[in-house]
Amino acid sequence: MRVLTAIAGAFLAALSLAPVASAAPEDPNMSPMIIGGSYAQNFPYAARLFVNGRENCSATKIAPQWILTAEHCVASSGRYTFRAGSLDQTSGGQLVTGDRIVKHASADLALVHVTTSMSAPFSPLVASVKAGDTVQLYGWGATCVGQEINCQSRYLKVANTRVTTTNGQDYRGGVAISVVKIDGIAAGGDSGGPMFANGRQVGVASTSDRRSVSNYTSINHGPYRDWIRRTAGV
């Protein structure tokens, strides 16, 4: 669905040149998050993706040495590192380095193997989801529209959205879960981050209009789930 921009999208190259977020904490009382939404309080599965040391995308750790993200987040050459297991992209958790990238052949999904084993817990995969359900989106992406590279969040955010279809389309034409905003929506930098339903991951952030609609590649889709299992063993 090229009408919607890949969340890392056109500004991905510029974002990769942006400085790592300031250590100064954001004011939680200011208008905000994801675009809308709120700060996540407990989410040990998250991984912030950096390319050549620059903040880039969101992701999840799904096994001791495997991270799940979007294919368009790892489409360029560079050194891929992650801060895994922390709500703060500047401290805590574990810093790990990717040494192998496996891209799905036709969906906006990628698995990154890292050199160091990460500690549990790992993101639980797949849950029942249908049109009308409320699901949660997590990421460190932009908190504003138009200046995405200047308003990336230091802290992990979460937004509630409503599923409109489980047969949408991701950036590469793959099967996606489409959602509309309830209290927030995904934006630049949230690419590769998870959609959760009933406490389990069901999608990976692919595209968004950054106002009200997002599409997340469906890991509930049988062939995609099988690919993750064959590649990462989970």
C-alpha atoms as a PDB file:
ATOM      1  CA  MET A   1       0.000   0.000   0.000  1.00  0.00           C
ATOM      2  CA  ARG A   2       2.171   2.833  -1.299  1.00  0.00           C
ATOM      3  CA  VAL A   3      -0.436   5.507  -0.591  1.00  0.00           C
ATOM      4  CA  LEU A   4       0.587   5.164   3.038  1.00  0.00           C
ATOM      5  CA  THR A   5       4.218   5.874   3.754  1.00  0.00           C
ATOM      6  CA  ALA A   6       6.502   3.220   5.177  1.00  0.00           C
ATOM      7  CA  ILE A   7       6.752   4.454   8.728  1.00  0.00           C
ATOM      8  CA  ALA A   8      10.501   4.836   8.534  1.00  0.00           C
ATOM      9  CA  GLY A   9       9.721   5.773   4.955  1.00  0.00           C
ATOM     10  CA  ALA A  10      11.086   8.683   2.992  1.00  0.00           C
ATOM     11  CA  PHE A  11      12.722  10.265   5.997  1.00  0.00           C
ATOM     12  CA  LEU A  12      14.614   7.084   6.914  1.00  0.00           C
ATOM     13  CA  ALA A  13      17.870   8.286   5.368  1.00  0.00           C
ATOM     14  CA  ALA A  14      17.584  11.638   7.104  1.00  0.00           C
ATOM     15  CA  LEU A  15      16.670   9.969  10.378  1.00  0.00           C
ATOM     16  CA  SER A  16      19.761   7.793  10.196  1.00  0.00           C
ATOM     17  CA  LEU A  17      21.770  10.999  10.229  1.00  0.00           C
ATOM     18  CA  ALA A  18      19.960  12.450  13.228  1.00  0.00           C
ATOM     19  CA  PRO A  19      21.808  12.535  16.556  1.00  0.00           C
ATOM     20  CA  VAL A  20      20.926   9.976  19.193  1.00  0.00           C
ATOM     21  CA  ALA A  21      18.157  11.316  21.431  1.00  0.00           C
ATOM     22  CA  SER A  22      19.186  13.694  24.179  1.00  0.00           C
ATOM     23  CA  ALA A  23      19.581  12.269  27.647  1.00  0.00           C
ATOM     24  CA  ALA A  24      17.235  14.953  28.968  1.00  0.00           C
ATOM     25  CA  PRO A  25      13.885  13.311  29.768  1.00  0.00           C
ATOM     26  CA  GLU A  26      10.735  14.466  28.013  1.00  0.00           C
ATOM     27  CA  ASP A  27       8.051  16.160  30.044  1.00  0.00           C
ATOM     28  CA  PRO A  28       5.276  13.544  30.470  1.00  0.00           C
ATOM     29  CA  ASN A  29       2.757  16.352  30.998  1.00  0.00           C
ATOM     30  CA  MET A  30       3.267  17.732  27.501  1.00  0.00           C
ATOM     31  CA  SER A  31       1.039  16.685  24.608  1.00  0.00           C
ATOM     32  CA  PRO A  32       2.585  13.788  23.041  1.00  0.00           C
ATOM     33  CA  MET A  33       3.368  10.174  22.445  1.00  0.00           C
ATOM     34  CA  ILE A  34       3.618   7.904  19.480  1.00  0.00           C
ATOM     35  CA  ILE A  35       1.413  10.637  18.068  1.00  0.00           C
ATOM     36  CA  GLY A  36      -1.039  10.550  20.952  1.00  0.00           C
ATOM     37  CA  GLY A  37      -1.018   7.568  23.323  1.00  0.00           C
ATOM     38  CA  SER A  38       1.047   7.404  26.527  1.00  0.00           C
ATOM     39  CA  TYR A  39       4.327   6.143  27.970  1.00  0.00           C
ATOM     40  CA  ALA A  40       4.643   2.359  28.276  1.00  0.00           C
ATOM     41  CA  GLN A  41       4.977   1.228  31.882  1.00  0.00           C
ATOM     42  CA  ASN A  42       6.080  -2.400  31.545  1.00  0.00           C
ATOM     43  CA  PHE A  43       7.266  -3.860  28.257  1.00  0.00           C
ATOM     44  CA  PRO A  44      10.421  -5.999  28.596  1.00  0.00           C
ATOM     45  CA  TYR A  45      10.362  -7.248  24.978  1.00  0.00           C
ATOM     46  CA  ALA A  46      11.203  -3.953  23.283  1.00  0.00           C
ATOM     47  CA  ALA A  47      14.373  -3.296  21.295  1.00  0.00           C
ATOM     48  CA  ARG A  48      15.422   0.064  19.856  1.00  0.00           C
ATOM     49  CA  LEU A  49      17.242  -0.241  16.518  1.00  0.00           C
ATOM     50  CA  PHE A  50      20.228   1.986  15.704  1.00  0.00           C
ATOM     51  CA  VAL A  51      22.002   2.161  12.342  1.00  0.00           C
ATOM     52  CA  ASN A  52      25.621   3.274  12.604  1.00  0.00           C
ATOM     53  CA  GLY A  53      24.826   4.552  16.096  1.00  0.00           C
ATOM     54  CA  ARG A  54      21.815   6.626  15.031  1.00  0.00           C
ATOM     55  CA  GLU A  55      18.245   5.968  16.232  1.00  0.00           C
ATOM     56  CA  ASN A  56      16.204   4.441  13.473  1.00  0.00           C
ATOM     57  CA  CYS A  57      13.399   1.949  14.121  1.00  0.00           C
ATOM     58  CA  SER A  58      11.670  -0.127  16.778  1.00  0.00           C
ATOM     59  CA  ALA A  59      11.751  -3.913  17.190  1.00  0.00           C
ATOM     60  CA  THR A  60      11.175  -6.813  19.605  1.00  0.00           C
ATOM     61  CA  LYS A  61      13.399  -9.514  20.999  1.00  0.00           C
ATOM     62  CA  ILE A  62      11.759 -12.885  20.305  1.00  0.00           C
ATOM     63  CA  ALA A  63      14.539 -15.351  21.226  1.00  0.00           C
ATOM     64  CA  PRO A  64      17.947 -15.211  22.968  1.00  0.00           C
ATOM     65  CA  GLN A  65      19.725 -14.217  19.738  1.00  0.00           C
ATOM     66  CA  TRP A  66      16.906 -13.068  17.439  1.00  0.00           C
ATOM     67  CA  ILE A  67      15.195  -9.699  16.988  1.00  0.00           C
ATOM     68  CA  LEU A  68      12.081  -9.122  14.857  1.00  0.00           C
ATOM     69  CA  THR A  69      11.620  -5.883  12.909  1.00  0.00           C
ATOM     70  CA  ALA A  70      10.480  -4.555   9.520  1.00  0.00           C
ATOM     71  CA  GLU A  71      12.369  -5.345   6.321  1.00  0.00           C
ATOM     72  CA  HIS A  72      12.468  -1.690   5.294  1.00  0.00           C
ATOM     73  CA  CYS A  73      14.293  -0.890   8.557  1.00  0.00           C
ATOM     74  CA  VAL A  74      17.287  -3.002   7.515  1.00  0.00           C
ATOM     75  CA  ALA A  75      17.252  -2.337   3.769  1.00  0.00           C
ATOM     76  CA  SER A  76      20.405  -0.206   3.779  1.00  0.00           C
ATOM     77  CA  SER A  77      23.964  -1.183   4.576  1.00  0.00           C
ATOM     78  CA  GLY A  78      25.364  -0.291   7.954  1.00  0.00           C
ATOM     79  CA  ARG A  79      26.107  -1.475  11.470  1.00  0.00           C
ATOM     80  CA  TYR A  80      22.928  -2.553  13.244  1.00  0.00           C
ATOM     81  CA  THR A  81      22.836  -2.370  17.023  1.00  0.00           C
ATOM     82  CA  PHE A  82      19.968  -2.636  19.507  1.00  0.00           C
ATOM     83  CA  ARG A  83      19.193  -1.595  23.055  1.00  0.00           C
ATOM     84  CA  ALA A  84      17.030  -4.501  24.175  1.00  0.00           C
ATOM     85  CA  GLY A  85      14.800  -4.759  27.225  1.00  0.00           C
ATOM     86  CA  SER A  86      14.721  -1.107  28.293  1.00  0.00           C
ATOM     87  CA  LEU A  87      11.951   1.498  28.100  1.00  0.00           C
ATOM     88  CA  ASP A  88      14.649   4.193  27.790  1.00  0.00           C
ATOM     89  CA  GLN A  89      16.507   4.110  24.483  1.00  0.00           C
ATOM     90  CA  THR A  90      19.540   5.810  26.060  1.00  0.00           C
ATOM     91  CA  SER A  91      20.190   3.512  29.037  1.00  0.00           C
ATOM     92  CA  GLY A  92      19.447   0.169  30.667  1.00  0.00           C
ATOM     93  CA  GLY A  93      18.757  -3.199  29.109  1.00  0.00           C
ATOM     94  CA  GLN A  94      21.394  -4.798  26.901  1.00  0.00           C
ATOM     95  CA  LEU A  95      23.319  -3.393  23.954  1.00  0.00           C
ATOM     96  CA  VAL A  96      23.663  -6.055  21.258  1.00  0.00           C
ATOM     97  CA  THR A  97      25.015  -6.096  17.707  1.00  0.00           C
ATOM     98  CA  GLY A  98      23.466  -7.741  14.670  1.00  0.00           C
ATOM     99  CA  ASP A  99      25.675 -10.082  12.659  1.00  0.00           C
ATOM    100  CA  ARG A 100      23.127 -11.563  10.236  1.00  0.00           C
ATOM    101  CA  ILE A 101      19.903 -10.302   8.676  1.00  0.00           C
ATOM    102  CA  VAL A 102      17.251 -12.593   7.218  1.00  0.00           C
ATOM    103  CA  LYS A 103      14.613 -10.784   5.148  1.00  0.00           C
ATOM    104  CA  HIS A 104      11.246 -12.234   4.236  1.00  0.00           C
ATOM    105  CA  ALA A 105      10.901 -12.708   0.486  1.00  0.00           C
ATOM    106  CA  SER A 106       7.582 -10.880   0.077  1.00  0.00           C
ATOM    107  CA  ALA A 107       6.505  -9.245   3.354  1.00  0.00           C
ATOM    108  CA  ASP A 108       7.832  -6.295   5.340  1.00  0.00           C
ATOM    109  CA  LEU A 109       9.496  -8.551   7.929  1.00  0.00           C
ATOM    110  CA  ALA A 110      13.112  -9.147   8.909  1.00  0.00           C
ATOM    111  CA  LEU A 111      14.893 -11.168  11.565  1.00  0.00           C
ATOM    112  CA  VAL A 112      18.249  -9.986  12.899  1.00  0.00           C
ATOM    113  CA  HIS A 113      20.607 -12.438  14.587  1.00  0.00           C
ATOM    114  CA  VAL A 114      22.701 -10.807  17.317  1.00  0.00           C
ATOM    115  CA  THR A 115      26.124 -11.794  18.603  1.00  0.00           C
ATOM    116  CA  THR A 116      25.231 -11.777  22.306  1.00  0.00           C
ATOM    117  CA  SER A 117      22.469 -13.754  23.990  1.00  0.00           C
ATOM    118  CA  MET A 118      19.734 -11.536  25.404  1.00  0.00           C
ATOM    119  CA  SER A 119      17.991 -12.212  28.680  1.00  0.00           C
ATOM    120  CA  ALA A 120      14.361 -13.311  28.925  1.00  0.00           C
ATOM    121  CA  PRO A 121      11.500 -12.573  28.669  1.00  0.00           C
ATOM    122  CA  PHE A 122      10.895 -12.645  24.925  1.00  0.00           C
ATOM    123  CA  SER A 123       7.917 -11.375  22.990  1.00  0.00           C
ATOM    124  CA  PRO A 124       5.134 -13.989  22.893  1.00  0.00           C
ATOM    125  CA  LEU A 125       3.881 -14.426  19.343  1.00  0.00           C
ATOM    126  CA  VAL A 126       0.398 -14.758  17.846  1.00  0.00           C
ATOM    127  CA  ALA A 127      -3.046 -14.268  19.328  1.00  0.00           C
ATOM    128  CA  SER A 128      -6.578 -14.171  18.018  1.00  0.00           C
ATOM    129  CA  VAL A 129      -7.476 -10.781  16.540  1.00  0.00           C
ATOM    130  CA  LYS A 130     -10.428  -9.599  14.459  1.00  0.00           C
ATOM    131  CA  ALA A 131     -11.979  -6.417  13.096  1.00  0.00           C
ATOM    132  CA  GLY A 132     -13.300  -4.266  15.921  1.00  0.00           C
ATOM    133  CA  ASP A 133     -10.712  -5.409  18.480  1.00  0.00           C
ATOM    134  CA  THR A 134      -8.628  -2.890  20.419  1.00  0.00           C
ATOM    135  CA  VAL A 135      -4.884  -3.532  20.035  1.00  0.00           C
ATOM    136  CA  GLN A 136      -1.769  -1.755  21.313  1.00  0.00           C
ATOM    137  CA  LEU A 137       1.092  -0.279  19.272  1.00  0.00           C
ATOM    138  CA  TYR A 138       4.537   0.211  20.860  1.00  0.00           C
ATOM    139  CA  GLY A 139       7.489   2.266  19.629  1.00  0.00           C
ATOM    140  CA  TRP A 140      10.039   5.058  20.104  1.00  0.00           C
ATOM    141  CA  GLY A 141       8.927   6.992  17.048  1.00  0.00           C
ATOM    142  CA  ALA A 142       7.880  10.550  16.377  1.00  0.00           C
ATOM    143  CA  THR A 143       5.586  12.428  18.738  1.00  0.00           C
ATOM    144  CA  CYS A 144       4.739  15.053  16.106  1.00  0.00           C
ATOM    145  CA  VAL A 145       3.939  15.396  12.397  1.00  0.00           C
ATOM    146  CA  GLY A 146       6.194  17.241   9.967  1.00  0.00           C
ATOM    147  CA  GLN A 147       9.366  17.267  12.091  1.00  0.00           C
ATOM    148  CA  GLU A 148       9.704  13.539  12.743  1.00  0.00           C
ATOM    149  CA  ILE A 149      13.479  13.498  12.879  1.00  0.00           C
ATOM    150  CA  ASN A 150      13.416  16.134  15.626  1.00  0.00           C
ATOM    151  CA  CYS A 151      10.780  14.633  17.926  1.00  0.00           C
ATOM    152  CA  GLN A 152      11.735  11.002  18.391  1.00  0.00           C
ATOM    153  CA  SER A 153      10.812   9.840  21.890  1.00  0.00           C
ATOM    154  CA  ARG A 154      13.474   8.894  24.419  1.00  0.00           C
ATOM    155  CA  TYR A 155      10.998   6.614  26.203  1.00  0.00           C
ATOM    156  CA  LEU A 156       8.912   3.776  24.773  1.00  0.00           C
ATOM    157  CA  LYS A 157       5.331   4.780  23.991  1.00  0.00           C
ATOM    158  CA  VAL A 158       2.071   2.866  23.561  1.00  0.00           C
ATOM    159  CA  ALA A 159      -1.164   3.717  21.761  1.00  0.00           C
ATOM    160  CA  ASN A 160      -4.560   2.051  21.594  1.00  0.00           C
ATOM    161  CA  THR A 161      -5.981   1.476  18.121  1.00  0.00           C
ATOM    162  CA  ARG A 162      -8.956  -0.354  16.608  1.00  0.00           C
ATOM    163  CA  VAL A 163      -8.588  -3.140  14.015  1.00  0.00           C
ATOM    164  CA  THR A 164     -10.432  -2.451  10.759  1.00  0.00           C
ATOM    165  CA  THR A 165      -9.284  -5.561   8.861  1.00  0.00           C
ATOM    166  CA  THR A 166      -6.885  -8.489   9.233  1.00  0.00           C
ATOM    167  CA  ASN A 167      -6.470  -8.637   5.453  1.00  0.00           C
ATOM    168  CA  GLY A 168      -4.763  -5.311   4.810  1.00  0.00           C
ATOM    169  CA  GLN A 169      -1.525  -4.736   2.920  1.00  0.00           C
ATOM    170  CA  ASP A 170       1.965  -3.865   4.154  1.00  0.00           C
ATOM    171  CA  TYR A 171       4.692  -1.826   2.428  1.00  0.00           C
ATOM    172  CA  ARG A 172       5.792  -4.778   0.298  1.00  0.00           C
ATOM    173  CA  GLY A 173       2.308  -6.049  -0.526  1.00  0.00           C
ATOM    174  CA  GLY A 174       2.237  -8.589   2.284  1.00  0.00           C
ATOM    175  CA  VAL A 175      -0.710  -9.392   4.544  1.00  0.00           C
ATOM    176  CA  ALA A 176      -1.263  -6.775   7.242  1.00  0.00           C
ATOM    177  CA  ILE A 177      -3.515  -5.925  10.162  1.00  0.00           C
ATOM    178  CA  SER A 178      -4.934  -2.445   9.564  1.00  0.00           C
ATOM    179  CA  VAL A 179      -5.909  -0.162  12.434  1.00  0.00           C
ATOM    180  CA  VAL A 180      -7.350   3.282  13.079  1.00  0.00           C
ATOM    181  CA  LYS A 181      -6.486   5.638  15.897  1.00  0.00           C
ATOM    182  CA  ILE A 182      -8.207   5.483  19.278  1.00  0.00           C
ATOM    183  CA  ASP A 183      -5.778   7.520  21.385  1.00  0.00           C
ATOM    184  CA  GLY A 184      -2.687   7.450  19.163  1.00  0.00           C
ATOM    185  CA  ILE A 185      -1.144   6.157  15.935  1.00  0.00           C
ATOM    186  CA  ALA A 186       2.282   5.056  14.660  1.00  0.00           C
ATOM    187  CA  ALA A 187       4.706   7.524  13.076  1.00  0.00           C
ATOM    188  CA  GLY A 188       8.291   7.740  11.824  1.00  0.00           C
ATOM    189  CA  GLY A 189      10.644   5.662  13.980  1.00  0.00           C
ATOM    190  CA  ASP A 190       7.890   3.265  15.092  1.00  0.00           C
ATOM    191  CA  SER A 191       8.633   1.069  12.042  1.00  0.00           C
ATOM    192  CA  GLY A 192       9.405  -2.510  12.991  1.00  0.00           C
ATOM    193  CA  GLY A 193       7.737  -2.120  16.372  1.00  0.00           C
ATOM    194  CA  PRO A 194       5.067  -4.488  17.657  1.00  0.00           C
ATOM    195  CA  MET A 195       1.304  -4.604  17.675  1.00  0.00           C
ATOM    196  CA  PHE A 196      -0.039  -6.487  20.691  1.00  0.00           C
ATOM    197  CA  ALA A 197      -3.428  -8.158  21.178  1.00  0.00           C
ATOM    198  CA  ASN A 198      -4.381  -9.874  24.431  1.00  0.00           C
ATOM    199  CA  GLY A 199      -0.793  -9.668  25.669  1.00  0.00           C
ATOM    200  CA  ARG A 200       0.810 -11.244  22.590  1.00  0.00           C
ATOM    201  CA  GLN A 201       2.497  -9.821  19.499  1.00  0.00           C
ATOM    202  CA  VAL A 202       0.418 -10.073  16.317  1.00  0.00           C
ATOM    203  CA  GLY A 203       2.037  -7.523  13.993  1.00  0.00           C
ATOM    204  CA  VAL A 204       5.117  -5.536  12.933  1.00  0.00           C
ATOM    205  CA  ALA A 205       4.818  -1.827  12.030  1.00  0.00           C
ATOM    206  CA  SER A 206       5.023  -1.241   8.293  1.00  0.00           C
ATOM    207  CA  THR A 207       3.072   1.811   7.009  1.00  0.00           C
ATOM    208  CA  SER A 208       1.127   4.752   8.400  1.00  0.00           C
ATOM    209  CA  ASP A 209      -0.478   7.987   7.286  1.00  0.00           C
ATOM    210  CA  ARG A 210       0.812   9.370  10.624  1.00  0.00           C
ATOM    211  CA  ARG A 211      -2.623  10.756  11.409  1.00  0.00           C
ATOM    212  CA  SER A 212      -5.200   8.001  11.834  1.00  0.00           C
ATOM    213  CA  VAL A 213      -4.336   4.789   9.926  1.00  0.00           C
ATOM    214  CA  SER A 214      -1.507   2.242  10.254  1.00  0.00           C
ATOM    215  CA  ASN A 215      -0.772  -1.168   8.728  1.00  0.00           C
ATOM    216  CA  TYR A 216       1.188  -3.823  10.618  1.00  0.00           C
ATOM    217  CA  THR A 217       2.495  -6.937   8.847  1.00  0.00           C
ATOM    218  CA  SER A 218       0.533  -9.837  10.333  1.00  0.00           C
ATOM    219  CA  ILE A 219       2.648 -12.474  12.039  1.00  0.00           C
ATOM    220  CA  ASN A 220      -0.643 -14.283  12.629  1.00  0.00           C
ATOM    221  CA  HIS A 221      -0.569 -15.071   8.893  1.00  0.00           C
ATOM    222  CA  GLY A 222       0.392 -18.746   8.691  1.00  0.00           C
ATOM    223  CA  PRO A 223       3.258 -18.537   6.164  1.00  0.00           C
ATOM    224  CA  TYR A 224       4.858 -15.631   8.051  1.00  0.00           C
ATOM    225  CA  ARG A 225       4.567 -17.422  11.378  1.00  0.00           C
ATOM    226  CA  ASP A 226       6.123 -20.531   9.819  1.00  0.00           C
ATOM    227  CA  TRP A 227       8.992 -18.432   8.420  1.00  0.00           C
ATOM    228  CA  ILE A 228       9.746 -17.011  11.877  1.00  0.00           C
ATOM    229  CA  ARG A 229       9.700 -20.512  13.368  1.00  0.00           C
ATOM    230  CA  ARG A 230      12.024 -21.928  10.680  1.00  0.00           C
ATOM    231  CA  THR A 231      14.460 -19.042  10.959  1.00  0.00           C
ATOM    232  CA  ALA A 232      14.539 -18.242  14.682  1.00  0.00           C
ATOM    233  CA  GLY A 233      13.260 -21.502  16.126  1.00  0.00           C
ATOM    234  CA  VAL A 234      10.360 -19.898  18.026  1.00  0.00           C
END
